[in-house]
N, C-alpha and C. Protein backbone atom coordinates (compact mmCIF):
# COMPACT_ATOMS: atom_id res chain seq x y z
N MET A 1 -11.52 12.00 3.56
CA MET A 1 -11.08 11.71 2.29
C MET A 1 -11.41 10.25 1.83
N TYR A 2 -12.06 10.17 0.76
CA TYR A 2 -12.47 8.61 0.41
C TYR A 2 -11.66 8.50 -0.81
N ILE A 3 -10.81 6.90 -0.80
CA ILE A 3 -10.41 6.26 -1.97
C ILE A 3 -11.34 5.20 -2.44
N GLN A 4 -11.17 5.27 -3.90
CA GLN A 4 -12.56 4.14 -4.49
C GLN A 4 -11.08 3.54 -5.43
N TYR A 5 -11.57 2.40 -5.92
CA TYR A 5 -11.06 1.66 -6.79
C TYR A 5 -11.84 1.16 -7.81
N GLY A 6 -11.75 1.33 -8.98
CA GLY A 6 -12.71 1.26 -10.02
C GLY A 6 -12.16 1.52 -11.26
N PRO A 7 -13.27 1.51 -12.35
CA PRO A 7 -12.57 1.63 -13.73
C PRO A 7 -13.17 3.29 -14.01
N LEU A 8 -11.58 3.92 -14.65
CA LEU A 8 -11.69 5.30 -14.81
C LEU A 8 -11.77 5.25 -16.58
N GLY A 9 -12.27 4.13 -17.14
CA GLY A 9 -12.28 4.33 -18.98
C GLY A 9 -11.04 4.07 -19.55
N GLY A 10 -9.82 3.68 -18.74
CA GLY A 10 -8.39 3.78 -19.18
C GLY A 10 -7.71 4.70 -19.66
N VAL A 11 -7.95 6.07 -19.28
CA VAL A 11 -7.62 7.04 -19.54
C VAL A 11 -6.21 7.85 -18.52
N LYS A 12 -6.43 7.45 -17.36
CA LYS A 12 -5.60 7.73 -16.64
C LYS A 12 -5.56 6.89 -15.35
N TYR A 13 -4.30 6.75 -14.72
CA TYR A 13 -4.19 5.43 -13.82
C TYR A 13 -5.22 6.01 -12.26
N ALA A 14 -5.43 7.34 -12.63
CA ALA A 14 -6.21 7.56 -11.48
C ALA A 14 -6.43 9.23 -11.37
N ASN A 15 -7.67 9.70 -10.35
CA ASN A 15 -7.71 10.83 -10.48
C ASN A 15 -8.17 11.57 -8.81
N TYR A 16 -7.99 12.95 -8.95
CA TYR A 16 -8.43 13.46 -7.45
C TYR A 16 -9.11 14.20 -7.74
N LEU A 17 -10.42 14.33 -7.16
CA LEU A 17 -11.63 15.59 -7.08
C LEU A 17 -12.08 15.81 -5.69
N ARG A 18 -12.62 17.04 -5.89
CA ARG A 18 -13.13 17.38 -4.71
C ARG A 18 -14.53 18.14 -4.93
N TYR A 19 -15.34 17.45 -4.47
CA TYR A 19 -17.11 17.79 -4.64
C TYR A 19 -17.42 18.18 -3.13
N LYS A 20 -17.64 19.32 -3.13
CA LYS A 20 -18.22 20.20 -2.06
C LYS A 20 -17.24 20.01 -1.22
N ARG A 21 -17.27 19.30 0.19
CA ARG A 21 -16.15 19.53 1.09
C ARG A 21 -15.53 17.95 1.26
N THR A 22 -15.64 17.10 0.14
CA THR A 22 -15.58 15.82 0.03
C THR A 22 -14.23 15.61 -1.03
N GLN A 23 -13.30 14.99 -0.55
CA GLN A 23 -12.04 14.82 -1.27
C GLN A 23 -12.16 13.23 -1.90
N ILE A 24 -12.06 13.00 -2.92
CA ILE A 24 -12.20 11.45 -3.60
C ILE A 24 -10.91 11.52 -4.25
N ILE A 25 -10.46 10.31 -4.12
CA ILE A 25 -9.70 9.55 -4.87
C ILE A 25 -9.79 8.54 -5.44
N ILE A 26 -9.88 8.40 -6.73
CA ILE A 26 -10.60 7.04 -7.46
C ILE A 26 -9.18 6.41 -8.51
N ILE A 27 -8.86 5.24 -7.96
CA ILE A 27 -7.51 4.71 -8.87
C ILE A 27 -8.53 3.57 -9.72
N ASP A 28 -7.80 3.75 -10.61
CA ASP A 28 -8.30 2.58 -11.91
C ASP A 28 -7.39 1.39 -11.64
N SER A 29 -7.80 0.58 -10.76
CA SER A 29 -6.95 -0.82 -10.70
C SER A 29 -6.72 -1.60 -11.94
N ASP A 30 -7.96 -1.56 -12.71
CA ASP A 30 -7.72 -2.39 -13.98
C ASP A 30 -6.48 -1.87 -14.94
N VAL A 31 -6.11 -0.79 -15.06
CA VAL A 31 -5.11 -0.57 -15.57
C VAL A 31 -3.72 0.05 -15.01
N THR A 32 -4.05 0.15 -13.77
CA THR A 32 -2.68 0.66 -12.89
C THR A 32 -2.04 -0.47 -12.64
N PRO A 33 -0.51 -0.51 -12.98
CA PRO A 33 0.11 -1.54 -12.99
C PRO A 33 0.57 -1.51 -11.37
N PRO A 34 0.28 -2.89 -10.64
CA PRO A 34 0.45 -3.21 -9.23
C PRO A 34 1.85 -2.55 -8.68
N ARG A 35 3.05 -2.77 -9.36
CA ARG A 35 4.35 -1.93 -9.15
C ARG A 35 4.21 -0.54 -8.96
N MET A 36 3.18 0.23 -9.46
CA MET A 36 3.20 1.57 -9.64
C MET A 36 1.95 2.24 -8.52
N MET A 37 1.26 1.30 -8.16
CA MET A 37 0.02 1.61 -6.73
C MET A 37 0.68 2.50 -5.91
N PRO A 38 1.69 2.27 -5.17
CA PRO A 38 2.09 3.10 -3.94
C PRO A 38 2.46 4.67 -4.78
N PHE A 39 2.94 4.56 -5.65
CA PHE A 39 3.08 6.31 -6.30
C PHE A 39 2.14 6.77 -6.88
N VAL A 40 1.41 6.11 -7.32
CA VAL A 40 0.08 6.37 -8.02
C VAL A 40 -0.92 7.15 -6.75
N LEU A 41 -1.08 6.59 -5.88
CA LEU A 41 -1.49 6.90 -4.27
C LEU A 41 -1.03 7.72 -4.07
N ALA A 42 0.19 7.76 -3.86
CA ALA A 42 1.05 9.20 -3.02
C ALA A 42 0.90 10.38 -3.69
N HIS A 43 0.75 10.00 -5.29
CA HIS A 43 0.55 11.09 -6.40
C HIS A 43 -0.82 12.05 -5.65
N GLU A 44 -1.70 10.97 -5.63
CA GLU A 44 -3.13 11.52 -5.52
C GLU A 44 -3.07 12.23 -4.16
N ILE A 45 -2.74 11.58 -3.16
CA ILE A 45 -2.51 12.01 -1.82
C ILE A 45 -2.14 13.68 -1.79
N GLY A 46 -0.99 13.49 -2.44
CA GLY A 46 -0.37 14.79 -3.00
C GLY A 46 -1.38 16.14 -3.40
N HIS A 47 -1.89 15.41 -3.99
CA HIS A 47 -3.37 16.37 -4.77
C HIS A 47 -4.35 16.89 -3.72
N ALA A 48 -4.29 15.86 -3.01
CA ALA A 48 -5.77 16.29 -1.91
C ALA A 48 -5.19 17.05 -0.84
N LEU A 49 -3.71 16.96 -0.37
CA LEU A 49 -3.02 17.65 0.44
C LEU A 49 -2.33 18.82 0.11
N CYS A 50 -1.91 19.04 -1.19
CA CYS A 50 -1.36 20.09 -1.47
C CYS A 50 -1.82 21.14 -2.30
N THR A 51 -2.68 20.61 -3.11
CA THR A 51 -3.38 21.39 -4.31
C THR A 51 -4.92 21.01 -4.11
N PRO A 52 -5.72 21.00 -3.07
CA PRO A 52 -6.67 20.73 -2.63
C PRO A 52 -7.64 21.12 -3.49
N ASP A 53 -7.98 22.19 -3.69
CA ASP A 53 -9.07 23.25 -4.63
C ASP A 53 -9.07 23.14 -5.87
N ALA A 54 -7.93 22.26 -6.54
CA ALA A 54 -7.66 21.81 -7.95
C ALA A 54 -8.40 20.78 -8.46
N ASN A 55 -9.35 20.72 -8.85
CA ASN A 55 -9.72 19.66 -9.44
C ASN A 55 -9.18 19.09 -10.94
N THR A 56 -8.25 18.08 -10.76
CA THR A 56 -7.27 17.75 -11.68
C THR A 56 -7.87 17.08 -12.99
N ALA A 57 -9.11 16.72 -12.56
CA ALA A 57 -9.58 16.04 -13.89
C ALA A 57 -10.57 17.17 -14.86
N TRP A 58 -11.01 18.47 -14.17
CA TRP A 58 -11.51 19.39 -15.13
C TRP A 58 -10.31 20.22 -15.13
N LEU A 59 -9.09 20.41 -15.02
CA LEU A 59 -7.90 21.12 -15.38
C LEU A 59 -7.35 20.17 -16.54
N ALA A 60 -7.50 19.27 -16.37
CA ALA A 60 -6.88 18.25 -17.63
C ALA A 60 -8.00 18.55 -18.71
N SER A 61 -9.05 18.67 -18.80
CA SER A 61 -10.15 18.37 -19.74
C SER A 61 -10.36 20.07 -20.33
N TYR A 62 -10.40 21.15 -19.60
CA TYR A 62 -10.50 22.27 -19.96
C TYR A 62 -9.32 23.34 -20.09
N THR A 63 -8.08 23.09 -19.72
CA THR A 63 -7.05 23.70 -19.78
C THR A 63 -6.16 23.28 -20.75
N LEU A 64 -6.67 22.10 -21.54
CA LEU A 64 -5.65 21.60 -22.57
C LEU A 64 -4.34 21.12 -21.97
N GLY A 65 -4.51 20.81 -20.68
CA GLY A 65 -3.34 20.12 -19.92
C GLY A 65 -2.12 20.86 -19.03
N ASN A 66 -3.16 22.19 -19.04
CA ASN A 66 -2.16 23.19 -18.69
C ASN A 66 -2.19 23.18 -16.75
N ASP A 67 -1.98 21.83 -16.27
CA ASP A 67 -2.32 21.92 -15.19
C ASP A 67 -0.98 21.34 -14.45
N LYS A 68 0.21 21.82 -15.27
CA LYS A 68 1.73 21.40 -15.04
C LYS A 68 1.84 21.41 -13.60
N LYS A 69 1.86 22.48 -13.09
CA LYS A 69 2.36 23.31 -11.82
C LYS A 69 1.87 22.12 -10.69
N ALA A 70 0.37 21.82 -10.76
CA ALA A 70 -0.53 21.26 -9.69
C ALA A 70 -0.02 19.35 -9.68
N GLU A 71 0.37 19.30 -11.00
CA GLU A 71 0.77 17.93 -11.24
C GLU A 71 2.29 17.58 -10.65
N ARG A 72 3.52 18.40 -10.92
CA ARG A 72 4.76 18.88 -10.15
C ARG A 72 4.80 18.77 -8.85
N ILE A 73 3.53 19.87 -8.47
CA ILE A 73 3.60 19.51 -6.85
C ILE A 73 3.24 17.96 -6.09
N ALA A 74 2.18 17.60 -7.04
CA ALA A 74 1.80 16.18 -6.69
C ALA A 74 3.14 15.02 -6.60
N ASN A 75 3.73 14.89 -7.86
CA ASN A 75 4.74 14.23 -8.09
C ASN A 75 6.21 14.55 -7.08
N GLN A 76 6.31 15.61 -6.78
CA GLN A 76 7.24 15.82 -5.93
C GLN A 76 6.83 15.36 -4.49
N PHE A 77 5.29 15.80 -4.11
CA PHE A 77 4.84 14.90 -2.59
C PHE A 77 5.07 13.37 -2.79
N ALA A 78 4.79 13.12 -3.85
CA ALA A 78 4.69 11.29 -4.01
C ALA A 78 6.06 10.87 -3.67
N VAL A 79 7.41 11.40 -4.33
CA VAL A 79 8.54 11.12 -4.14
C VAL A 79 9.05 11.36 -3.00
N GLU A 80 8.84 12.42 -2.39
CA GLU A 80 9.27 12.91 -0.87
C GLU A 80 8.62 12.00 0.12
N LEU A 81 7.23 11.35 0.09
CA LEU A 81 6.45 10.22 0.75
C LEU A 81 7.39 8.96 0.64
N LEU A 82 7.57 8.52 -0.64
CA LEU A 82 8.08 6.99 -0.81
C LEU A 82 9.31 6.93 -0.60
N LEU A 83 10.33 7.98 -0.89
CA LEU A 83 11.60 8.14 -0.63
C LEU A 83 11.94 9.12 0.47
N ASN A 84 11.56 9.21 1.34
CA ASN A 84 11.51 9.86 2.57
C ASN A 84 13.44 9.44 3.08
N ASP A 85 14.05 10.41 3.80
CA ASP A 85 15.13 10.45 4.29
C ASP A 85 15.40 9.17 5.27
N ALA A 86 14.16 8.87 6.15
CA ALA A 86 14.28 8.00 6.81
C ALA A 86 14.66 6.46 6.39
N TYR A 87 13.68 6.67 5.40
CA TYR A 87 13.51 5.43 4.35
C TYR A 87 14.91 5.04 3.70
N LEU A 88 15.59 6.19 3.58
CA LEU A 88 16.77 6.27 2.51
C LEU A 88 17.93 5.49 3.46
N ARG A 89 17.99 6.11 4.93
CA ARG A 89 18.90 5.73 5.60
C ARG A 89 19.12 4.55 6.01
N GLU A 90 17.74 3.89 6.42
CA GLU A 90 17.30 2.70 6.64
C GLU A 90 17.76 1.39 5.82
N HIS A 91 17.88 2.10 4.34
CA HIS A 91 17.91 1.00 3.40
C HIS A 91 19.40 1.57 2.70
N ALA A 92 20.47 2.06 3.26
CA ALA A 92 21.27 2.62 2.62
C ALA A 92 22.37 1.67 2.06
N GLU A 93 22.02 0.33 2.02
CA GLU A 93 22.73 -0.70 1.20
C GLU A 93 22.39 -0.60 -0.46
N PHE A 94 21.18 0.18 -0.62
CA PHE A 94 20.75 0.15 -1.85
C PHE A 94 21.02 1.51 -2.62
N GLY A 95 20.60 2.07 -3.48
CA GLY A 95 20.95 2.93 -4.28
C GLY A 95 19.42 3.51 -4.35
N LEU A 96 19.61 4.97 -4.69
CA LEU A 96 18.47 5.67 -4.81
C LEU A 96 17.25 5.07 -6.04
N HIS A 97 17.91 5.06 -6.98
CA HIS A 97 17.00 4.29 -8.20
C HIS A 97 16.47 3.00 -7.88
N GLU A 98 17.42 2.18 -7.45
CA GLU A 98 16.83 0.60 -6.87
C GLU A 98 15.58 1.10 -5.64
N LEU A 99 15.93 1.74 -4.82
CA LEU A 99 14.72 1.97 -4.22
C LEU A 99 13.44 2.85 -4.70
N ALA A 100 13.83 3.71 -5.47
CA ALA A 100 12.50 4.18 -6.35
C ALA A 100 11.90 2.93 -6.84
N ARG A 101 12.48 2.07 -7.80
CA ARG A 101 12.03 1.03 -8.34
C ARG A 101 10.99 0.09 -7.35
N MET A 102 11.57 -0.18 -6.02
CA MET A 102 11.21 -1.07 -4.88
C MET A 102 9.88 -0.19 -4.76
N ARG A 103 9.57 1.23 -4.55
CA ARG A 103 8.35 1.65 -4.22
C ARG A 103 7.76 2.13 -5.49
N GLY A 104 7.91 1.61 -6.55
CA GLY A 104 7.07 2.13 -7.81
C GLY A 104 7.39 3.68 -8.18
N VAL A 105 8.31 4.20 -7.76
CA VAL A 105 8.49 5.66 -8.48
C VAL A 105 8.89 5.72 -9.97
N PRO A 106 8.49 6.14 -10.44
CA PRO A 106 9.15 5.77 -12.29
C PRO A 106 10.17 6.79 -12.16
N ASP A 107 11.14 6.07 -13.17
CA ASP A 107 12.81 6.71 -13.20
C ASP A 107 12.65 8.09 -13.44
N GLU A 108 11.39 8.75 -14.35
CA GLU A 108 11.57 10.01 -14.60
C GLU A 108 11.39 10.83 -13.71
N HIS A 109 10.70 10.51 -12.53
CA HIS A 109 10.68 11.06 -11.19
C HIS A 109 11.58 11.39 -9.94
N VAL A 110 12.31 10.27 -10.27
CA VAL A 110 13.44 10.19 -9.23
C VAL A 110 14.29 11.59 -8.83
N GLN A 111 14.72 12.38 -10.38
CA GLN A 111 15.40 13.34 -9.67
C GLN A 111 14.74 14.33 -8.98
N LEU A 112 13.23 14.16 -8.76
CA LEU A 112 12.41 15.18 -7.72
C LEU A 112 12.90 15.07 -6.26
N LYS A 113 13.36 14.01 -6.06
CA LYS A 113 13.92 14.10 -4.47
C LYS A 113 14.74 15.22 -4.26
N SER A 114 14.63 15.71 -3.39
CA SER A 114 15.51 16.71 -3.09
C SER A 114 16.75 16.16 -2.19
N GLN A 115 17.92 16.62 -2.24
CA GLN A 115 19.07 15.96 -1.61
C GLN A 115 19.37 16.70 -0.44
């Protein structure tokens, strides 16, 4: 897997694609807010590990955004990776939403954390 940082034209924070047998994650470091970088990278790794054959750039372009299942899976992976149970136990003095903010997890995805 390769992780590249470079401009994507400001359309998305990042993109995952697979070309032949090579998995590539491209993060637009020009537009991705630094506080969201951990979530964005974890989300794209989720695509690479959980939906490796789904070319998200193609799906977004040619299925009129009907890639919701792959996006939901990648979001769930990112939330579980960044807010894993061991991390929550180690930082039990903080609430879930506070830990999520510290890890760059957007508020709208916190509910994906399995209890």
